[in-house]
Amino acid sequence: MKTRTPYRVFRVVALVVVVLSMVAPLLWMVAASFKTNVDIYDSSKALAFSPTLENYTKVLQQANYVQFIGNSLWVAFAATVLSLILGVPAAYSMSRFSMKKSALVVLMARVIPGVSLLVPWYYVFSNLRMVGGFTVLILSHMFVSLPLIVYIMMGFFDGLPMELEEAALVDGLTHIGAFRRITLPLSMPGIATAGILSFIFSWNNFMFALVLSGADTKTLPVAIFDFVGYASIDWGGLMAAATVVTLPIMLIALFVQKYVVSGLTAGATKG
């Protein structure tokens, strides 16, 4: 027991340091969202200050962030649903027919930097008069979510025993019927995991929306830059807007983390 005490102390200290390094910026962001710009610059009011809701009023009413929240929800939801509709059958086919080369192509699409595609995308979509609409935003977000869903679901389908589908075929079901009635219900934890992660990535996506969105279709990460001016930065409004962007996705992650972990774990074992 004595030999393990230093290790336990080191582990506790390391965990505290890691947690503080991750939580401290978030706490500062939330605290700054309730301060005026003068208080933010005043180091003596780092902890003791008079809170104000002026920044949130500016964000939710004057800056029309309710519309931007709706835009982000619509784009993330549509991109996630369409990616699931296309990605789940594709992952099943790649898993059951051992399409390793196709899986490698999907992985390469996940690895390629998105910024390398922005210029050709903007050129193509501008010629099609689609820049500034929701369609181009949803398609661009699917470039991130679709490979992610395919790769997660491939590992999950690999972990499902083939005997269940073979038994369904013996009972008279077709391959599509076995997939719809047997495999698909069993894969719901993996689908939930892939959908949640896809929604989070789409909600946080900034680069595609910055280039391809319009004044009426901009999402929350892009709308934050309205508080960054040429000569000055409205730090209070910026922190309030960042809080509005961050808190919903943090709450979603906290409530669904056990489903994400269970889904990934279920797809990590075979048989």
C-alpha atoms as a PDB file:
ATOM      1  CA  MET A   1       0.000   0.000   0.000  1.00  0.00           C
ATOM      2  CA  LYS A   2       2.834   2.378   0.793  1.00  0.00           C
ATOM      3  CA  THR A   3       4.428   1.773  -2.595  1.00  0.00           C
ATOM      4  CA  ARG A   4       1.183   2.691  -4.345  1.00  0.00           C
ATOM      5  CA  THR A   5       0.629   5.927  -2.421  1.00  0.00           C
ATOM      6  CA  PRO A   6       2.957   8.102  -4.556  1.00  0.00           C
ATOM      7  CA  TYR A   7       1.316   6.761  -7.708  1.00  0.00           C
ATOM      8  CA  ARG A   8      -2.158   7.605  -6.381  1.00  0.00           C
ATOM      9  CA  VAL A   9      -1.062  11.099  -5.405  1.00  0.00           C
ATOM     10  CA  PHE A  10       0.481  11.629  -8.836  1.00  0.00           C
ATOM     11  CA  ARG A  11      -2.686  10.343 -10.519  1.00  0.00           C
ATOM     12  CA  VAL A  12      -4.929  12.670  -8.507  1.00  0.00           C
ATOM     13  CA  VAL A  13      -2.687  15.664  -9.162  1.00  0.00           C
ATOM     14  CA  ALA A  14      -2.518  14.849 -12.873  1.00  0.00           C
ATOM     15  CA  LEU A  15      -6.313  14.520 -13.092  1.00  0.00           C
ATOM     16  CA  VAL A  16      -6.815  17.823 -11.280  1.00  0.00           C
ATOM     17  CA  VAL A  17      -4.367  19.585 -13.596  1.00  0.00           C
ATOM     18  CA  VAL A  18      -6.013  18.157 -16.704  1.00  0.00           C
ATOM     19  CA  VAL A  19      -9.535  18.993 -15.528  1.00  0.00           C
ATOM     20  CA  LEU A  20      -8.576  22.538 -14.542  1.00  0.00           C
ATOM     21  CA  SER A  21      -6.799  23.128 -17.847  1.00  0.00           C
ATOM     22  CA  MET A  22      -9.977  22.107 -19.688  1.00  0.00           C
ATOM     23  CA  VAL A  23     -12.596  23.684 -17.411  1.00  0.00           C
ATOM     24  CA  ALA A  24     -10.847  26.973 -16.570  1.00  0.00           C
ATOM     25  CA  PRO A  25     -11.234  28.523 -20.069  1.00  0.00           C
ATOM     26  CA  LEU A  26     -14.922  27.575 -20.099  1.00  0.00           C
ATOM     27  CA  LEU A  27     -15.489  29.092 -16.664  1.00  0.00           C
ATOM     28  CA  TRP A  28     -13.696  32.263 -17.733  1.00  0.00           C
ATOM     29  CA  MET A  29     -15.840  32.420 -20.888  1.00  0.00           C
ATOM     30  CA  VAL A  30     -19.091  32.085 -18.924  1.00  0.00           C
ATOM     31  CA  ALA A  31     -17.955  34.619 -16.317  1.00  0.00           C
ATOM     32  CA  ALA A  32     -16.864  37.100 -19.000  1.00  0.00           C
ATOM     33  CA  SER A  33     -20.262  36.813 -20.677  1.00  0.00           C
ATOM     34  CA  PHE A  34     -21.787  38.448 -17.574  1.00  0.00           C
ATOM     35  CA  LYS A  35     -19.252  41.300 -17.494  1.00  0.00           C
ATOM     36  CA  THR A  36     -18.999  44.596 -19.286  1.00  0.00           C
ATOM     37  CA  ASN A  37     -16.001  45.218 -21.529  1.00  0.00           C
ATOM     38  CA  VAL A  38     -14.518  47.485 -18.860  1.00  0.00           C
ATOM     39  CA  ASP A  39     -14.749  44.741 -16.234  1.00  0.00           C
ATOM     40  CA  ILE A  40     -13.213  42.182 -18.580  1.00  0.00           C
ATOM     41  CA  TYR A  41     -10.102  44.314 -19.009  1.00  0.00           C
ATOM     42  CA  ASP A  42      -9.911  45.005 -15.249  1.00  0.00           C
ATOM     43  CA  SER A  43      -7.912  42.175 -13.639  1.00  0.00           C
ATOM     44  CA  SER A  44      -9.081  43.215 -10.160  1.00  0.00           C
ATOM     45  CA  LYS A  45     -12.615  42.183 -11.140  1.00  0.00           C
ATOM     46  CA  ALA A  46     -11.688  38.703 -12.308  1.00  0.00           C
ATOM     47  CA  LEU A  47     -13.775  37.124  -9.543  1.00  0.00           C
ATOM     48  CA  ALA A  48     -15.645  39.985  -7.859  1.00  0.00           C
ATOM     49  CA  PHE A  49     -17.847  41.861 -10.325  1.00  0.00           C
ATOM     50  CA  SER A  50     -21.422  43.000 -10.829  1.00  0.00           C
ATOM     51  CA  PRO A  51     -23.053  40.592 -13.300  1.00  0.00           C
ATOM     52  CA  THR A  52     -25.093  41.977 -16.176  1.00  0.00           C
ATOM     53  CA  LEU A  53     -27.371  40.402 -18.778  1.00  0.00           C
ATOM     54  CA  GLU A  54     -26.674  43.142 -21.315  1.00  0.00           C
ATOM     55  CA  ASN A  55     -24.475  40.865 -23.429  1.00  0.00           C
ATOM     56  CA  TYR A  56     -27.118  38.149 -23.678  1.00  0.00           C
ATOM     57  CA  THR A  57     -29.766  40.738 -24.510  1.00  0.00           C
ATOM     58  CA  LYS A  58     -27.534  41.987 -27.299  1.00  0.00           C
ATOM     59  CA  VAL A  59     -26.948  38.471 -28.584  1.00  0.00           C
ATOM     60  CA  LEU A  60     -30.499  37.118 -28.437  1.00  0.00           C
ATOM     61  CA  GLN A  61     -32.406  40.254 -29.400  1.00  0.00           C
ATOM     62  CA  GLN A  62     -30.288  42.846 -31.195  1.00  0.00           C
ATOM     63  CA  ALA A  63     -28.013  40.400 -33.032  1.00  0.00           C
ATOM     64  CA  ASN A  64     -30.912  38.101 -33.984  1.00  0.00           C
ATOM     65  CA  TYR A  65     -29.107  35.010 -32.770  1.00  0.00           C
ATOM     66  CA  VAL A  66     -32.369  33.090 -32.479  1.00  0.00           C
ATOM     67  CA  GLN A  67     -32.397  32.870 -36.282  1.00  0.00           C
ATOM     68  CA  PHE A  68     -28.770  31.697 -36.315  1.00  0.00           C
ATOM     69  CA  ILE A  69     -29.586  29.025 -33.714  1.00  0.00           C
ATOM     70  CA  GLY A  70     -32.376  27.805 -35.982  1.00  0.00           C
ATOM     71  CA  ASN A  71     -29.997  27.784 -38.950  1.00  0.00           C
ATOM     72  CA  SER A  72     -27.443  25.713 -37.060  1.00  0.00           C
ATOM     73  CA  LEU A  73     -30.090  23.265 -35.869  1.00  0.00           C
ATOM     74  CA  TRP A  74     -31.520  22.820 -39.351  1.00  0.00           C
ATOM     75  CA  VAL A  75     -28.162  22.362 -41.089  1.00  0.00           C
ATOM     76  CA  ALA A  76     -26.812  19.961 -38.447  1.00  0.00           C
ATOM     77  CA  PHE A  77     -30.050  17.949 -38.329  1.00  0.00           C
ATOM     78  CA  ALA A  78     -30.446  17.683 -42.103  1.00  0.00           C
ATOM     79  CA  ALA A  79     -26.778  16.800 -42.666  1.00  0.00           C
ATOM     80  CA  THR A  80     -26.915  14.142 -39.949  1.00  0.00           C
ATOM     81  CA  VAL A  81     -30.152  12.531 -41.184  1.00  0.00           C
ATOM     82  CA  LEU A  82     -29.043  12.443 -44.829  1.00  0.00           C
ATOM     83  CA  SER A  83     -25.616  11.087 -43.839  1.00  0.00           C
ATOM     84  CA  LEU A  84     -27.273   8.325 -41.801  1.00  0.00           C
ATOM     85  CA  ILE A  85     -29.588   7.408 -44.678  1.00  0.00           C
ATOM     86  CA  LEU A  86     -26.628   7.096 -47.051  1.00  0.00           C
ATOM     87  CA  GLY A  87     -23.913   6.009 -44.651  1.00  0.00           C
ATOM     88  CA  VAL A  88     -25.558   3.130 -42.764  1.00  0.00           C
ATOM     89  CA  PRO A  89     -26.351   0.985 -45.864  1.00  0.00           C
ATOM     90  CA  ALA A  90     -22.936   1.844 -47.325  1.00  0.00           C
ATOM     91  CA  ALA A  91     -21.183   0.769 -44.118  1.00  0.00           C
ATOM     92  CA  TYR A  92     -23.201  -2.462 -44.045  1.00  0.00           C
ATOM     93  CA  SER A  93     -22.222  -3.299 -47.615  1.00  0.00           C
ATOM     94  CA  MET A  94     -18.557  -2.535 -46.986  1.00  0.00           C
ATOM     95  CA  SER A  95     -18.589  -4.648 -43.846  1.00  0.00           C
ATOM     96  CA  ARG A  96     -20.415  -7.694 -45.208  1.00  0.00           C
ATOM     97  CA  PHE A  97     -18.633  -7.800 -48.574  1.00  0.00           C
ATOM     98  CA  SER A  98     -15.160  -6.986 -47.175  1.00  0.00           C
ATOM     99  CA  MET A  99     -14.733  -3.859 -49.292  1.00  0.00           C
ATOM    100  CA  LYS A 100     -11.456  -2.831 -47.696  1.00  0.00           C
ATOM    101  CA  LYS A 101     -10.367  -0.594 -50.573  1.00  0.00           C
ATOM    102  CA  SER A 102     -13.636   1.302 -50.455  1.00  0.00           C
ATOM    103  CA  ALA A 103     -13.210   1.675 -46.703  1.00  0.00           C
ATOM    104  CA  LEU A 104      -9.746   3.108 -47.339  1.00  0.00           C
ATOM    105  CA  VAL A 105     -11.249   5.649 -49.754  1.00  0.00           C
ATOM    106  CA  VAL A 106     -13.776   6.656 -47.086  1.00  0.00           C
ATOM    107  CA  LEU A 107     -10.961   7.054 -44.578  1.00  0.00           C
ATOM    108  CA  MET A 108      -9.016   9.199 -47.034  1.00  0.00           C
ATOM    109  CA  ALA A 109     -12.065  11.429 -47.466  1.00  0.00           C
ATOM    110  CA  ARG A 110     -12.085  11.832 -43.677  1.00  0.00           C
ATOM    111  CA  VAL A 111      -8.370  12.687 -43.594  1.00  0.00           C
ATOM    112  CA  ILE A 112      -8.294  15.189 -46.475  1.00  0.00           C
ATOM    113  CA  PRO A 113      -8.272  18.769 -45.100  1.00  0.00           C
ATOM    114  CA  GLY A 114     -11.571  20.436 -45.829  1.00  0.00           C
ATOM    115  CA  VAL A 115      -9.872  23.714 -46.682  1.00  0.00           C
ATOM    116  CA  SER A 116      -8.347  22.097 -49.781  1.00  0.00           C
ATOM    117  CA  LEU A 117     -11.865  21.634 -51.181  1.00  0.00           C
ATOM    118  CA  LEU A 118     -13.270  25.063 -50.393  1.00  0.00           C
ATOM    119  CA  VAL A 119     -11.979  26.777 -53.540  1.00  0.00           C
ATOM    120  CA  PRO A 120     -13.298  24.180 -56.029  1.00  0.00           C
ATOM    121  CA  TRP A 121     -16.530  23.902 -54.068  1.00  0.00           C
ATOM    122  CA  TYR A 122     -17.039  27.650 -54.099  1.00  0.00           C
ATOM    123  CA  TYR A 123     -16.311  27.788 -57.831  1.00  0.00           C
ATOM    124  CA  VAL A 124     -18.728  24.974 -58.671  1.00  0.00           C
ATOM    125  CA  PHE A 125     -21.529  26.058 -56.360  1.00  0.00           C
ATOM    126  CA  SER A 126     -21.224  29.716 -57.339  1.00  0.00           C
ATOM    127  CA  ASN A 127     -21.662  28.752 -61.002  1.00  0.00           C
ATOM    128  CA  LEU A 128     -24.722  26.753 -59.968  1.00  0.00           C
ATOM    129  CA  ARG A 129     -25.996  29.813 -58.019  1.00  0.00           C
ATOM    130  CA  MET A 130     -26.170  27.769 -54.805  1.00  0.00           C
ATOM    131  CA  VAL A 131     -23.771  29.728 -52.603  1.00  0.00           C
ATOM    132  CA  GLY A 132     -25.595  31.304 -49.682  1.00  0.00           C
ATOM    133  CA  GLY A 133     -28.329  28.673 -49.470  1.00  0.00           C
ATOM    134  CA  PHE A 134     -28.979  25.858 -47.039  1.00  0.00           C
ATOM    135  CA  THR A 135     -28.454  23.156 -49.669  1.00  0.00           C
ATOM    136  CA  VAL A 136     -24.784  23.882 -50.145  1.00  0.00           C
ATOM    137  CA  LEU A 137     -24.234  24.087 -46.381  1.00  0.00           C
ATOM    138  CA  ILE A 138     -25.878  20.711 -45.811  1.00  0.00           C
ATOM    139  CA  LEU A 139     -23.858  19.106 -48.625  1.00  0.00           C
ATOM    140  CA  SER A 140     -20.602  20.536 -47.300  1.00  0.00           C
ATOM    141  CA  HIS A 141     -21.333  19.345 -43.760  1.00  0.00           C
ATOM    142  CA  MET A 142     -22.095  15.890 -45.119  1.00  0.00           C
ATOM    143  CA  PHE A 143     -18.496  15.766 -46.326  1.00  0.00           C
ATOM    144  CA  VAL A 144     -17.526  15.654 -42.638  1.00  0.00           C
ATOM    145  CA  SER A 145     -20.361  13.568 -41.233  1.00  0.00           C
ATOM    146  CA  LEU A 146     -20.765  10.904 -43.935  1.00  0.00           C
ATOM    147  CA  PRO A 147     -17.241   9.397 -43.701  1.00  0.00           C
ATOM    148  CA  LEU A 148     -17.473   9.541 -39.907  1.00  0.00           C
ATOM    149  CA  ILE A 149     -20.770   7.626 -39.894  1.00  0.00           C
ATOM    150  CA  VAL A 150     -19.527   5.064 -42.408  1.00  0.00           C
ATOM    151  CA  TYR A 151     -16.360   4.361 -40.468  1.00  0.00           C
ATOM    152  CA  ILE A 152     -18.131   4.051 -37.099  1.00  0.00           C
ATOM    153  CA  MET A 153     -20.845   1.807 -38.493  1.00  0.00           C
ATOM    154  CA  MET A 154     -18.371  -0.427 -40.328  1.00  0.00           C
ATOM    155  CA  GLY A 155     -16.763  -1.312 -37.014  1.00  0.00           C
ATOM    156  CA  PHE A 156     -20.180  -1.875 -35.476  1.00  0.00           C
ATOM    157  CA  PHE A 157     -21.403  -4.157 -38.269  1.00  0.00           C
ATOM    158  CA  ASP A 158     -18.149  -6.116 -38.078  1.00  0.00           C
ATOM    159  CA  GLY A 159     -19.022  -6.869 -34.467  1.00  0.00           C
ATOM    160  CA  LEU A 160     -22.475  -8.298 -35.248  1.00  0.00           C
ATOM    161  CA  PRO A 161     -22.451 -12.091 -35.757  1.00  0.00           C
ATOM    162  CA  MET A 162     -23.264 -13.315 -39.261  1.00  0.00           C
ATOM    163  CA  GLU A 163     -25.223 -16.251 -37.800  1.00  0.00           C
ATOM    164  CA  LEU A 164     -28.181 -13.969 -37.016  1.00  0.00           C
ATOM    165  CA  GLU A 165     -28.563 -12.926 -40.644  1.00  0.00           C
ATOM    166  CA  GLU A 166     -28.018 -16.475 -41.875  1.00  0.00           C
ATOM    167  CA  ALA A 167     -30.807 -17.663 -39.576  1.00  0.00           C
ATOM    168  CA  ALA A 168     -33.070 -14.940 -40.958  1.00  0.00           C
ATOM    169  CA  LEU A 169     -32.286 -16.053 -44.520  1.00  0.00           C
ATOM    170  CA  VAL A 170     -33.124 -19.636 -43.599  1.00  0.00           C
ATOM    171  CA  ASP A 171     -36.470 -18.417 -42.247  1.00  0.00           C
ATOM    172  CA  GLY A 172     -37.293 -16.939 -45.648  1.00  0.00           C
ATOM    173  CA  LEU A 173     -36.181 -13.337 -45.414  1.00  0.00           C
ATOM    174  CA  THR A 174     -34.275 -11.675 -48.230  1.00  0.00           C
ATOM    175  CA  HIS A 175     -30.939  -9.983 -47.643  1.00  0.00           C
ATOM    176  CA  ILE A 176     -32.699  -6.606 -47.507  1.00  0.00           C
ATOM    177  CA  GLY A 177     -35.336  -8.000 -45.176  1.00  0.00           C
ATOM    178  CA  ALA A 178     -32.684  -9.460 -42.869  1.00  0.00           C
ATOM    179  CA  PHE A 179     -30.919  -6.107 -42.818  1.00  0.00           C
ATOM    180  CA  ARG A 180     -34.122  -4.201 -42.093  1.00  0.00           C
ATOM    181  CA  ARG A 181     -35.601  -6.563 -39.488  1.00  0.00           C
ATOM    182  CA  ILE A 182     -32.530  -8.053 -37.795  1.00  0.00           C
ATOM    183  CA  THR A 183     -29.358  -6.069 -38.379  1.00  0.00           C
ATOM    184  CA  LEU A 184     -30.784  -2.565 -38.297  1.00  0.00           C
ATOM    185  CA  PRO A 185     -32.558  -2.889 -34.902  1.00  0.00           C
ATOM    186  CA  LEU A 186     -29.428  -4.459 -33.383  1.00  0.00           C
ATOM    187  CA  SER A 187     -27.286  -1.623 -34.705  1.00  0.00           C
ATOM    188  CA  MET A 188     -29.328   1.189 -33.125  1.00  0.00           C
ATOM    189  CA  PRO A 189     -26.670   1.917 -30.434  1.00  0.00           C
ATOM    190  CA  GLY A 190     -24.086   2.393 -33.188  1.00  0.00           C
ATOM    191  CA  ILE A 191     -26.474   4.533 -35.246  1.00  0.00           C
ATOM    192  CA  ALA A 192     -27.199   6.690 -32.200  1.00  0.00           C
ATOM    193  CA  THR A 193     -23.483   7.085 -31.546  1.00  0.00           C
ATOM    194  CA  ALA A 194     -22.702   8.009 -35.150  1.00  0.00           C
ATOM    195  CA  GLY A 195     -25.657  10.400 -35.317  1.00  0.00           C
ATOM    196  CA  ILE A 196     -24.729  12.201 -32.109  1.00  0.00           C
ATOM    197  CA  LEU A 197     -21.089  12.647 -33.136  1.00  0.00           C
ATOM    198  CA  SER A 198     -22.139  13.768 -36.606  1.00  0.00           C
ATOM    199  CA  PHE A 199     -24.521  16.358 -35.166  1.00  0.00           C
ATOM    200  CA  ILE A 200     -21.809  17.691 -32.844  1.00  0.00           C
ATOM    201  CA  PHE A 201     -19.262  18.012 -35.662  1.00  0.00           C
ATOM    202  CA  SER A 202     -21.810  19.730 -37.895  1.00  0.00           C
ATOM    203  CA  TRP A 203     -22.916  22.114 -35.138  1.00  0.00           C
ATOM    204  CA  ASN A 204     -19.302  23.166 -34.500  1.00  0.00           C
ATOM    205  CA  ASN A 205     -18.285  23.454 -38.161  1.00  0.00           C
ATOM    206  CA  PHE A 206     -16.997  26.909 -38.947  1.00  0.00           C
ATOM    207  CA  MET A 207     -14.904  26.831 -42.096  1.00  0.00           C
ATOM    208  CA  PHE A 208     -17.503  25.654 -44.606  1.00  0.00           C
ATOM    209  CA  ALA A 209     -20.214  27.971 -43.299  1.00  0.00           C
ATOM    210  CA  LEU A 210     -17.833  30.940 -43.314  1.00  0.00           C
ATOM    211  CA  VAL A 211     -17.298  30.653 -47.076  1.00  0.00           C
ATOM    212  CA  LEU A 212     -20.538  29.119 -48.339  1.00  0.00           C
ATOM    213  CA  SER A 213     -23.258  30.690 -46.166  1.00  0.00           C
ATOM    214  CA  GLY A 214     -25.152  33.903 -46.753  1.00  0.00           C
ATOM    215  CA  ALA A 215     -26.495  36.668 -44.543  1.00  0.00           C
ATOM    216  CA  ASP A 216     -29.709  34.756 -43.845  1.00  0.00           C
ATOM    217  CA  THR A 217     -28.180  31.274 -43.642  1.00  0.00           C
ATOM    218  CA  LYS A 218     -25.106  31.820 -41.478  1.00  0.00           C
ATOM    219  CA  THR A 219     -24.710  29.443 -38.556  1.00  0.00           C
ATOM    220  CA  LEU A 220     -23.746  30.243 -34.973  1.00  0.00           C
ATOM    221  CA  PRO A 221     -19.967  29.721 -35.282  1.00  0.00           C
ATOM    222  CA  VAL A 222     -19.890  32.227 -38.160  1.00  0.00           C
ATOM    223  CA  ALA A 223     -22.265  34.667 -36.467  1.00  0.00           C
ATOM    224  CA  ILE A 224     -19.840  35.001 -33.559  1.00  0.00           C
ATOM    225  CA  PHE A 225     -17.529  37.017 -35.789  1.00  0.00           C
ATOM    226  CA  ASP A 226     -20.072  39.823 -35.921  1.00  0.00           C
ATOM    227  CA  PHE A 227     -18.623  40.928 -32.578  1.00  0.00           C
ATOM    228  CA  VAL A 228     -15.098  41.182 -34.004  1.00  0.00           C
ATOM    229  CA  GLY A 229     -14.581  44.575 -35.608  1.00  0.00           C
ATOM    230  CA  TYR A 230     -11.685  46.151 -37.465  1.00  0.00           C
ATOM    231  CA  ALA A 231     -10.695  48.492 -34.666  1.00  0.00           C
ATOM    232  CA  SER A 232     -12.145  46.813 -31.566  1.00  0.00           C
ATOM    233  CA  ILE A 233     -13.664  43.605 -30.221  1.00  0.00           C
ATOM    234  CA  ASP A 234     -16.840  43.411 -28.175  1.00  0.00           C
ATOM    235  CA  TRP A 235     -15.503  40.832 -25.725  1.00  0.00           C
ATOM    236  CA  GLY A 236     -18.657  40.708 -23.630  1.00  0.00           C
ATOM    237  CA  GLY A 237     -20.904  40.022 -26.606  1.00  0.00           C
ATOM    238  CA  LEU A 238     -18.334  37.621 -28.045  1.00  0.00           C
ATOM    239  CA  MET A 239     -18.207  35.595 -24.833  1.00  0.00           C
ATOM    240  CA  ALA A 240     -22.004  35.552 -24.572  1.00  0.00           C
ATOM    241  CA  ALA A 241     -22.291  34.348 -28.160  1.00  0.00           C
ATOM    242  CA  ALA A 242     -19.619  31.697 -27.545  1.00  0.00           C
ATOM    243  CA  THR A 243     -21.537  30.536 -24.481  1.00  0.00           C
ATOM    244  CA  VAL A 244     -24.725  30.251 -26.532  1.00  0.00           C
ATOM    245  CA  VAL A 245     -22.825  28.098 -29.046  1.00  0.00           C
ATOM    246  CA  THR A 246     -21.028  25.944 -26.468  1.00  0.00           C
ATOM    247  CA  LEU A 247     -23.565  25.213 -23.734  1.00  0.00           C
ATOM    248  CA  PRO A 248     -26.181  23.355 -25.836  1.00  0.00           C
ATOM    249  CA  ILE A 249     -23.620  20.991 -27.290  1.00  0.00           C
ATOM    250  CA  MET A 250     -22.010  20.476 -23.875  1.00  0.00           C
ATOM    251  CA  LEU A 251     -25.393  19.565 -22.374  1.00  0.00           C
ATOM    252  CA  ILE A 252     -26.045  17.145 -25.217  1.00  0.00           C
ATOM    253  CA  ALA A 253     -22.625  15.554 -24.706  1.00  0.00           C
ATOM    254  CA  LEU A 254     -23.193  15.189 -20.954  1.00  0.00           C
ATOM    255  CA  PHE A 255     -26.621  13.573 -21.333  1.00  0.00           C
ATOM    256  CA  VAL A 256     -25.702  11.189 -24.154  1.00  0.00           C
ATOM    257  CA  GLN A 257     -22.121  10.300 -23.218  1.00  0.00           C
ATOM    258  CA  LYS A 258     -23.130   6.893 -21.861  1.00  0.00           C
ATOM    259  CA  TYR A 259     -24.877   6.071 -25.141  1.00  0.00           C
ATOM    260  CA  VAL A 260     -21.827   7.169 -27.124  1.00  0.00           C
ATOM    261  CA  VAL A 261     -19.510   5.062 -24.970  1.00  0.00           C
ATOM    262  CA  SER A 262     -21.792   2.025 -25.071  1.00  0.00           C
ATOM    263  CA  GLY A 263     -22.191   2.328 -28.836  1.00  0.00           C
ATOM    264  CA  LEU A 264     -18.470   2.588 -29.482  1.00  0.00           C
ATOM    265  CA  THR A 265     -17.763  -0.263 -27.049  1.00  0.00           C
ATOM    266  CA  ALA A 266     -20.387  -2.490 -28.676  1.00  0.00           C
ATOM    267  CA  GLY A 267     -18.783  -1.933 -32.039  1.00  0.00           C
ATOM    268  CA  ALA A 268     -15.325  -2.684 -30.696  1.00  0.00           C
ATOM    269  CA  THR A 269     -16.035  -6.339 -29.868  1.00  0.00           C
ATOM    270  CA  LYS A 270     -16.808  -9.071 -32.336  1.00  0.00           C
ATOM    271  CA  GLY A 271     -18.989 -12.099 -31.875  1.00  0.00           C
END
